[in-house]
């Protein structure tokens, strides 16, 4: 029996809940997964993709994971998310080390960004409110 997209995203959020408060939010035909309001994963096409960076990517490559890509054949874009090893979706305990890698990569990415201004926060709230309608 297969799960609906929303049910699979909810299940993945539960798996990532070993790190903190996890939630799924619909985005671009898939879901973004947050742990304690830190964006650490994407669910798209029935697959969980975890945040990676230069430090963590080799672990994902060694485990046979694949990058999340989108676009058309002539212009495919890969972003900093890689598939989770298949066995990790069996339990939170198996997910934990991989979720920690994703969390660490997301924290490093957030630390590297310049601080947001009050104006940025106001714009973000307005966009979020418009999207929720």
N, C-alpha and C. Protein backbone atom coordinates (compact mmCIF):
# COMPACT_ATOMS: atom_id res chain seq x y z
N UNK A 1 0.84 -1.17 0.00
CA UNK A 1 0.00 0.00 0.00
C UNK A 1 0.89 1.24 0.00
N UNK A 2 0.61 2.18 -0.89
CA UNK A 2 1.42 3.39 -0.95
C UNK A 2 0.73 4.53 -0.22
N UNK A 3 1.51 5.46 0.26
CA UNK A 3 0.99 6.61 0.99
C UNK A 3 0.72 7.76 0.02
N UNK A 4 -0.19 8.62 0.41
CA UNK A 4 -0.39 9.85 -0.36
C UNK A 4 0.84 10.74 -0.14
N UNK A 5 0.99 11.75 -0.98
CA UNK A 5 2.12 12.67 -0.84
C UNK A 5 2.12 13.34 0.53
N UNK A 6 0.94 13.80 0.96
CA UNK A 6 0.86 14.46 2.26
C UNK A 6 1.19 13.49 3.40
N UNK A 7 0.70 12.27 3.31
CA UNK A 7 0.97 11.28 4.35
C UNK A 7 2.45 10.94 4.41
N UNK A 8 3.10 10.81 3.25
CA UNK A 8 4.53 10.51 3.23
C UNK A 8 5.32 11.68 3.83
N UNK A 9 4.95 12.90 3.49
CA UNK A 9 5.64 14.06 4.05
C UNK A 9 5.46 14.11 5.57
N UNK A 10 4.28 13.81 6.05
CA UNK A 10 4.02 13.78 7.49
C UNK A 10 4.86 12.70 8.15
N UNK A 11 4.96 11.53 7.51
CA UNK A 11 5.77 10.43 8.03
C UNK A 11 7.24 10.85 8.10
N UNK A 12 7.74 11.50 7.05
CA UNK A 12 9.13 11.96 7.04
C UNK A 12 9.37 12.98 8.14
N UNK A 13 8.41 13.87 8.37
CA UNK A 13 8.53 14.84 9.46
C UNK A 13 8.61 14.11 10.80
N UNK A 14 7.84 13.05 10.96
CA UNK A 14 7.90 12.26 12.19
C UNK A 14 9.29 11.64 12.36
N UNK A 15 9.87 11.14 11.26
CA UNK A 15 11.21 10.57 11.32
C UNK A 15 12.23 11.62 11.76
N UNK A 16 12.10 12.84 11.24
CA UNK A 16 13.02 13.92 11.58
C UNK A 16 12.74 14.50 12.96
N UNK A 17 11.61 14.15 13.53
CA UNK A 17 11.24 14.62 14.86
C UNK A 17 12.18 14.15 15.95
N UNK A 18 13.10 13.24 15.63
CA UNK A 18 14.10 12.82 16.62
C UNK A 18 15.02 13.98 16.99
N UNK A 19 15.03 15.04 16.15
CA UNK A 19 15.89 16.20 16.39
C UNK A 19 15.19 17.34 17.12
N UNK A 20 13.87 17.37 17.07
CA UNK A 20 13.13 18.47 17.66
C UNK A 20 11.73 18.52 17.09
N UNK A 21 11.11 19.68 17.16
CA UNK A 21 9.76 19.84 16.64
C UNK A 21 9.82 19.92 15.12
N UNK A 22 9.21 18.94 14.45
CA UNK A 22 9.28 18.86 12.99
C UNK A 22 7.91 19.14 12.40
N UNK A 23 7.92 19.78 11.22
CA UNK A 23 6.68 20.04 10.50
C UNK A 23 6.95 20.02 9.01
N UNK A 24 5.91 19.71 8.26
CA UNK A 24 5.97 19.70 6.80
C UNK A 24 5.14 20.85 6.29
N UNK A 25 5.63 21.50 5.24
CA UNK A 25 4.90 22.60 4.62
C UNK A 25 4.91 22.39 3.11
N UNK A 26 3.74 22.46 2.49
CA UNK A 26 3.64 22.29 1.05
C UNK A 26 4.42 23.38 0.33
N UNK A 27 5.11 22.96 -0.73
CA UNK A 27 5.83 23.93 -1.56
C UNK A 27 6.14 23.32 -2.92
N UNK A 28 5.83 24.02 -3.97
CA UNK A 28 6.19 23.66 -5.35
C UNK A 28 5.88 22.20 -5.70
N UNK A 29 4.72 21.73 -5.35
CA UNK A 29 4.34 20.36 -5.68
C UNK A 29 4.93 19.31 -4.77
N UNK A 30 5.68 19.73 -3.79
CA UNK A 30 6.28 18.81 -2.81
C UNK A 30 6.07 19.39 -1.42
N UNK A 31 7.00 19.09 -0.54
CA UNK A 31 6.95 19.60 0.83
C UNK A 31 8.34 20.00 1.29
N UNK A 32 8.38 21.05 2.09
CA UNK A 32 9.60 21.41 2.79
C UNK A 32 9.46 20.91 4.21
N UNK A 33 10.53 20.37 4.77
CA UNK A 33 10.50 19.86 6.14
C UNK A 33 11.40 20.71 7.03
N UNK A 34 10.83 21.11 8.13
CA UNK A 34 11.52 21.97 9.08
C UNK A 34 11.63 21.25 10.41
N UNK A 35 12.76 21.45 11.09
CA UNK A 35 12.93 21.00 12.46
C UNK A 35 13.29 22.23 13.27
N UNK A 36 12.47 22.55 14.24
CA UNK A 36 12.64 23.76 15.05
C UNK A 36 12.84 24.98 14.14
N UNK A 37 12.01 25.08 13.11
CA UNK A 37 12.00 26.18 12.14
C UNK A 37 13.28 26.29 11.31
N UNK A 38 14.06 25.22 11.24
CA UNK A 38 15.23 25.15 10.38
C UNK A 38 14.90 24.24 9.21
N UNK A 39 15.01 24.75 8.00
CA UNK A 39 14.66 24.00 6.79
C UNK A 39 15.77 22.98 6.52
N UNK A 40 15.46 21.67 6.68
CA UNK A 40 16.51 20.67 6.54
C UNK A 40 16.23 19.60 5.49
N UNK A 41 15.03 19.58 4.90
CA UNK A 41 14.73 18.49 3.97
C UNK A 41 13.61 18.88 3.02
N UNK A 42 13.55 18.13 1.92
CA UNK A 42 12.51 18.28 0.90
C UNK A 42 11.92 16.90 0.65
N UNK A 43 10.62 16.86 0.45
CA UNK A 43 9.97 15.64 -0.02
C UNK A 43 9.42 15.97 -1.40
N UNK A 44 9.86 15.23 -2.41
CA UNK A 44 9.40 15.44 -3.78
C UNK A 44 9.42 14.11 -4.52
N UNK A 45 8.39 13.88 -5.30
CA UNK A 45 8.34 12.65 -6.08
C UNK A 45 8.41 11.39 -5.25
N UNK A 46 7.86 11.42 -4.05
CA UNK A 46 7.87 10.24 -3.19
C UNK A 46 9.22 9.92 -2.60
N UNK A 47 10.13 10.90 -2.56
CA UNK A 47 11.49 10.70 -2.06
C UNK A 47 11.82 11.77 -1.04
N UNK A 48 12.54 11.39 -0.01
CA UNK A 48 13.04 12.33 1.00
C UNK A 48 14.45 12.75 0.62
N UNK A 49 14.68 14.05 0.59
CA UNK A 49 16.00 14.61 0.31
C UNK A 49 16.43 15.45 1.50
N UNK A 50 17.65 15.21 1.98
CA UNK A 50 18.18 15.92 3.14
C UNK A 50 19.20 16.97 2.73
N UNK A 51 19.29 18.04 3.50
CA UNK A 51 20.23 19.13 3.24
C UNK A 51 21.66 18.62 3.34
N UNK A 52 22.49 18.99 2.37
CA UNK A 52 23.91 18.65 2.39
C UNK A 52 24.73 19.91 2.10
N UNK A 53 26.00 19.83 2.41
CA UNK A 53 26.94 20.88 2.04
C UNK A 53 28.27 20.20 1.71
N UNK A 54 29.30 20.97 1.46
CA UNK A 54 30.59 20.39 1.08
C UNK A 54 31.13 19.43 2.14
N UNK A 55 30.81 19.69 3.39
CA UNK A 55 31.29 18.85 4.48
C UNK A 55 30.56 17.50 4.56
N UNK A 56 29.26 17.50 4.27
CA UNK A 56 28.47 16.27 4.44
C UNK A 56 28.23 15.50 3.14
N UNK A 57 28.38 16.16 2.00
CA UNK A 57 28.10 15.51 0.71
C UNK A 57 28.86 14.19 0.51
N UNK A 58 30.14 14.11 0.88
CA UNK A 58 30.85 12.83 0.68
C UNK A 58 30.19 11.64 1.39
N UNK A 59 29.60 11.86 2.55
CA UNK A 59 28.90 10.77 3.26
C UNK A 59 27.70 10.28 2.46
N UNK A 60 26.96 11.22 1.86
CA UNK A 60 25.80 10.86 1.06
C UNK A 60 26.22 10.16 -0.23
N UNK A 61 27.28 10.66 -0.85
CA UNK A 61 27.79 10.01 -2.06
C UNK A 61 28.22 8.58 -1.76
N UNK A 62 28.96 8.39 -0.66
CA UNK A 62 29.45 7.06 -0.28
C UNK A 62 28.30 6.09 0.00
N UNK A 63 27.16 6.62 0.45
CA UNK A 63 26.00 5.77 0.75
C UNK A 63 25.16 5.50 -0.49
N UNK A 64 25.58 6.02 -1.65
CA UNK A 64 24.83 5.78 -2.89
C UNK A 64 23.63 6.68 -3.08
N UNK A 65 23.58 7.79 -2.36
CA UNK A 65 22.46 8.72 -2.47
C UNK A 65 22.60 9.55 -3.74
N UNK A 66 21.50 10.18 -4.14
CA UNK A 66 21.45 10.98 -5.37
C UNK A 66 21.01 12.40 -5.05
N UNK A 67 21.51 13.38 -5.83
CA UNK A 67 21.10 14.76 -5.59
C UNK A 67 19.68 15.01 -6.08
N UNK A 68 19.01 15.95 -5.43
CA UNK A 68 17.71 16.42 -5.90
C UNK A 68 17.97 17.35 -7.07
N UNK A 69 17.33 17.08 -8.19
CA UNK A 69 17.48 17.92 -9.37
C UNK A 69 16.10 18.28 -9.90
N UNK A 70 16.02 19.40 -10.58
CA UNK A 70 14.78 19.81 -11.21
C UNK A 70 15.11 20.55 -12.49
N UNK A 71 14.13 20.72 -13.33
CA UNK A 71 14.30 21.44 -14.57
C UNK A 71 14.06 20.55 -15.77
N UNK A 72 14.35 21.09 -16.91
CA UNK A 72 14.19 20.35 -18.17
C UNK A 72 15.53 19.76 -18.58
N UNK A 73 15.50 18.84 -19.52
CA UNK A 73 16.70 18.13 -19.94
C UNK A 73 17.85 19.06 -20.33
N UNK A 74 17.53 20.17 -20.99
CA UNK A 74 18.58 21.08 -21.44
C UNK A 74 19.15 21.95 -20.31
N UNK A 75 18.43 22.06 -19.20
CA UNK A 75 18.92 22.83 -18.08
C UNK A 75 18.45 22.21 -16.77
N UNK A 76 19.22 21.28 -16.27
CA UNK A 76 18.91 20.61 -15.01
C UNK A 76 19.68 21.32 -13.90
N UNK A 77 18.99 21.59 -12.81
CA UNK A 77 19.60 22.29 -11.69
C UNK A 77 19.64 21.34 -10.49
N UNK A 78 20.81 21.23 -9.88
CA UNK A 78 20.96 20.45 -8.65
C UNK A 78 21.14 21.45 -7.51
N UNK A 79 20.42 21.22 -6.43
CA UNK A 79 20.56 22.09 -5.26
C UNK A 79 21.10 21.25 -4.12
N UNK A 80 21.32 21.85 -2.98
CA UNK A 80 22.00 21.19 -1.87
C UNK A 80 21.18 20.20 -1.07
N UNK A 81 20.45 19.32 -1.75
CA UNK A 81 19.67 18.28 -1.07
C UNK A 81 19.93 16.96 -1.77
N UNK A 82 20.16 15.91 -0.98
CA UNK A 82 20.43 14.58 -1.52
C UNK A 82 19.47 13.58 -0.90
N UNK A 83 19.16 12.54 -1.65
CA UNK A 83 18.24 11.51 -1.15
C UNK A 83 18.80 10.89 0.13
N UNK A 84 17.89 10.55 1.01
CA UNK A 84 18.28 9.86 2.24
C UNK A 84 18.53 8.39 1.89
N UNK A 85 19.49 7.75 2.56
CA UNK A 85 19.67 6.31 2.32
C UNK A 85 18.34 5.58 2.56
N UNK A 86 18.03 4.63 1.70
CA UNK A 86 16.73 3.97 1.72
C UNK A 86 16.34 3.42 3.09
N UNK A 87 17.26 2.78 3.77
CA UNK A 87 16.93 2.14 5.04
C UNK A 87 16.59 3.15 6.14
N UNK A 88 16.96 4.41 5.96
CA UNK A 88 16.71 5.41 7.01
C UNK A 88 15.23 5.71 7.19
N UNK A 89 14.42 5.42 6.19
CA UNK A 89 12.99 5.71 6.32
C UNK A 89 12.25 4.61 7.08
N UNK A 90 12.98 3.62 7.57
CA UNK A 90 12.36 2.53 8.33
C UNK A 90 12.10 2.90 9.79
N UNK A 91 12.91 3.81 10.35
CA UNK A 91 12.72 4.16 11.75
C UNK A 91 13.44 5.45 12.10
N UNK A 92 12.97 6.14 13.13
CA UNK A 92 13.66 7.34 13.59
C UNK A 92 15.11 7.05 14.02
N UNK A 93 15.35 5.90 14.60
CA UNK A 93 16.71 5.55 15.04
C UNK A 93 17.66 5.46 13.85
N UNK A 94 17.20 4.89 12.74
CA UNK A 94 18.04 4.79 11.55
C UNK A 94 18.20 6.16 10.88
N UNK A 95 17.21 7.01 11.03
CA UNK A 95 17.27 8.34 10.44
C UNK A 95 18.19 9.27 11.21
N UNK A 96 18.30 9.08 12.50
CA UNK A 96 18.98 10.03 13.38
C UNK A 96 20.36 10.51 12.89
N UNK A 97 21.31 9.63 12.55
CA UNK A 97 22.62 10.16 12.14
C UNK A 97 22.55 10.99 10.86
N UNK A 98 21.67 10.63 9.95
CA UNK A 98 21.53 11.36 8.69
C UNK A 98 20.81 12.68 8.91
N UNK A 99 19.82 12.68 9.80
CA UNK A 99 19.12 13.91 10.15
C UNK A 99 20.07 14.89 10.82
N UNK A 100 20.97 14.38 11.63
CA UNK A 100 21.97 15.26 12.28
C UNK A 100 22.88 15.89 11.24
N UNK A 101 23.27 15.13 10.22
CA UNK A 101 24.09 15.69 9.14
C UNK A 101 23.34 16.81 8.42
N UNK A 102 22.06 16.58 8.13
CA UNK A 102 21.25 17.59 7.44
C UNK A 102 21.09 18.83 8.31
N UNK A 103 20.87 18.63 9.59
CA UNK A 103 20.71 19.75 10.51
C UNK A 103 22.01 20.56 10.58
N UNK A 104 23.13 19.89 10.66
CA UNK A 104 24.42 20.58 10.73
C UNK A 104 24.67 21.39 9.46
N UNK A 105 24.35 20.82 8.30
CA UNK A 105 24.54 21.52 7.03
C UNK A 105 23.63 22.75 6.96
N UNK A 106 22.40 22.61 7.42
CA UNK A 106 21.46 23.73 7.40
C UNK A 106 21.89 24.83 8.37
N UNK A 107 22.42 24.45 9.51
CA UNK A 107 22.91 25.45 10.47
C UNK A 107 24.12 26.20 9.91
N UNK A 108 25.02 25.49 9.23
CA UNK A 108 26.17 26.16 8.62
C UNK A 108 25.72 27.12 7.52
N UNK A 109 24.73 26.69 6.73
CA UNK A 109 24.23 27.55 5.65
C UNK A 109 23.58 28.80 6.23
N UNK A 110 22.82 28.64 7.30
CA UNK A 110 22.16 29.80 7.92
C UNK A 110 23.20 30.75 8.52
N UNK A 111 24.25 30.21 9.14
CA UNK A 111 25.28 31.05 9.74
C UNK A 111 26.06 31.83 8.68
N UNK A 112 26.15 31.29 7.48
CA UNK A 112 26.90 31.95 6.40
C UNK A 112 26.13 33.09 5.76
N UNK A 113 24.82 33.16 5.97
CA UNK A 113 24.00 34.22 5.38
C UNK A 113 24.10 35.49 6.21
N UNK A 114 24.04 36.64 5.54
CA UNK A 114 24.03 37.89 6.31
C UNK A 114 22.74 38.00 7.10
N UNK A 115 22.77 38.71 8.22
CA UNK A 115 21.56 38.85 9.03
C UNK A 115 20.46 39.57 8.25
N UNK A 116 19.23 39.17 8.49
CA UNK A 116 18.08 39.80 7.84
C UNK A 116 17.71 41.08 8.56
N UNK A 117 17.13 41.98 7.81
CA UNK A 117 16.69 43.24 8.40
C UNK A 117 15.23 43.14 8.79
N UNK A 118 14.74 44.12 9.52
CA UNK A 118 13.33 44.15 9.89
C UNK A 118 12.48 44.23 8.63
N UNK A 119 12.94 44.95 7.64
CA UNK A 119 12.19 45.07 6.38
C UNK A 119 12.05 43.70 5.71
N UNK A 120 13.12 42.90 5.71
CA UNK A 120 13.05 41.56 5.14
C UNK A 120 12.00 40.72 5.85
N UNK A 121 11.94 40.80 7.17
CA UNK A 121 10.97 40.03 7.95
C UNK A 121 9.55 40.46 7.64
N UNK A 122 9.33 41.75 7.49
CA UNK A 122 7.99 42.26 7.16
C UNK A 122 7.56 41.76 5.79
N UNK A 123 8.44 41.83 4.82
CA UNK A 123 8.14 41.34 3.47
C UNK A 123 7.82 39.86 3.50
N UNK A 124 8.60 39.08 4.26
CA UNK A 124 8.39 37.64 4.36
C UNK A 124 7.03 37.33 4.96
N UNK A 125 6.64 38.07 6.01
CA UNK A 125 5.33 37.85 6.64
C UNK A 125 4.20 38.16 5.67
N UNK A 126 4.34 39.23 4.90
CA UNK A 126 3.29 39.58 3.93
C UNK A 126 3.17 38.51 2.86
N UNK A 127 4.28 38.02 2.37
CA UNK A 127 4.25 36.96 1.35
C UNK A 127 3.63 35.69 1.91
N UNK A 128 3.99 35.35 3.13
CA UNK A 128 3.46 34.15 3.77
C UNK A 128 1.95 34.27 3.96
N UNK A 129 1.49 35.43 4.38
CA UNK A 129 0.05 35.64 4.58
C UNK A 129 -0.68 35.55 3.26
N UNK A 130 -0.11 36.08 2.20
CA UNK A 130 -0.73 36.02 0.88
C UNK A 130 -0.79 34.58 0.37
N UNK A 131 0.24 33.80 0.66
CA UNK A 131 0.27 32.39 0.23
C UNK A 131 -0.71 31.52 1.00
N UNK A 132 -1.01 31.91 2.23
CA UNK A 132 -1.92 31.13 3.07
C UNK A 132 -3.38 31.35 2.71
N UNK A 133 -3.66 32.35 1.90
CA UNK A 133 -5.05 32.64 1.52
C UNK A 133 -5.58 31.66 0.53
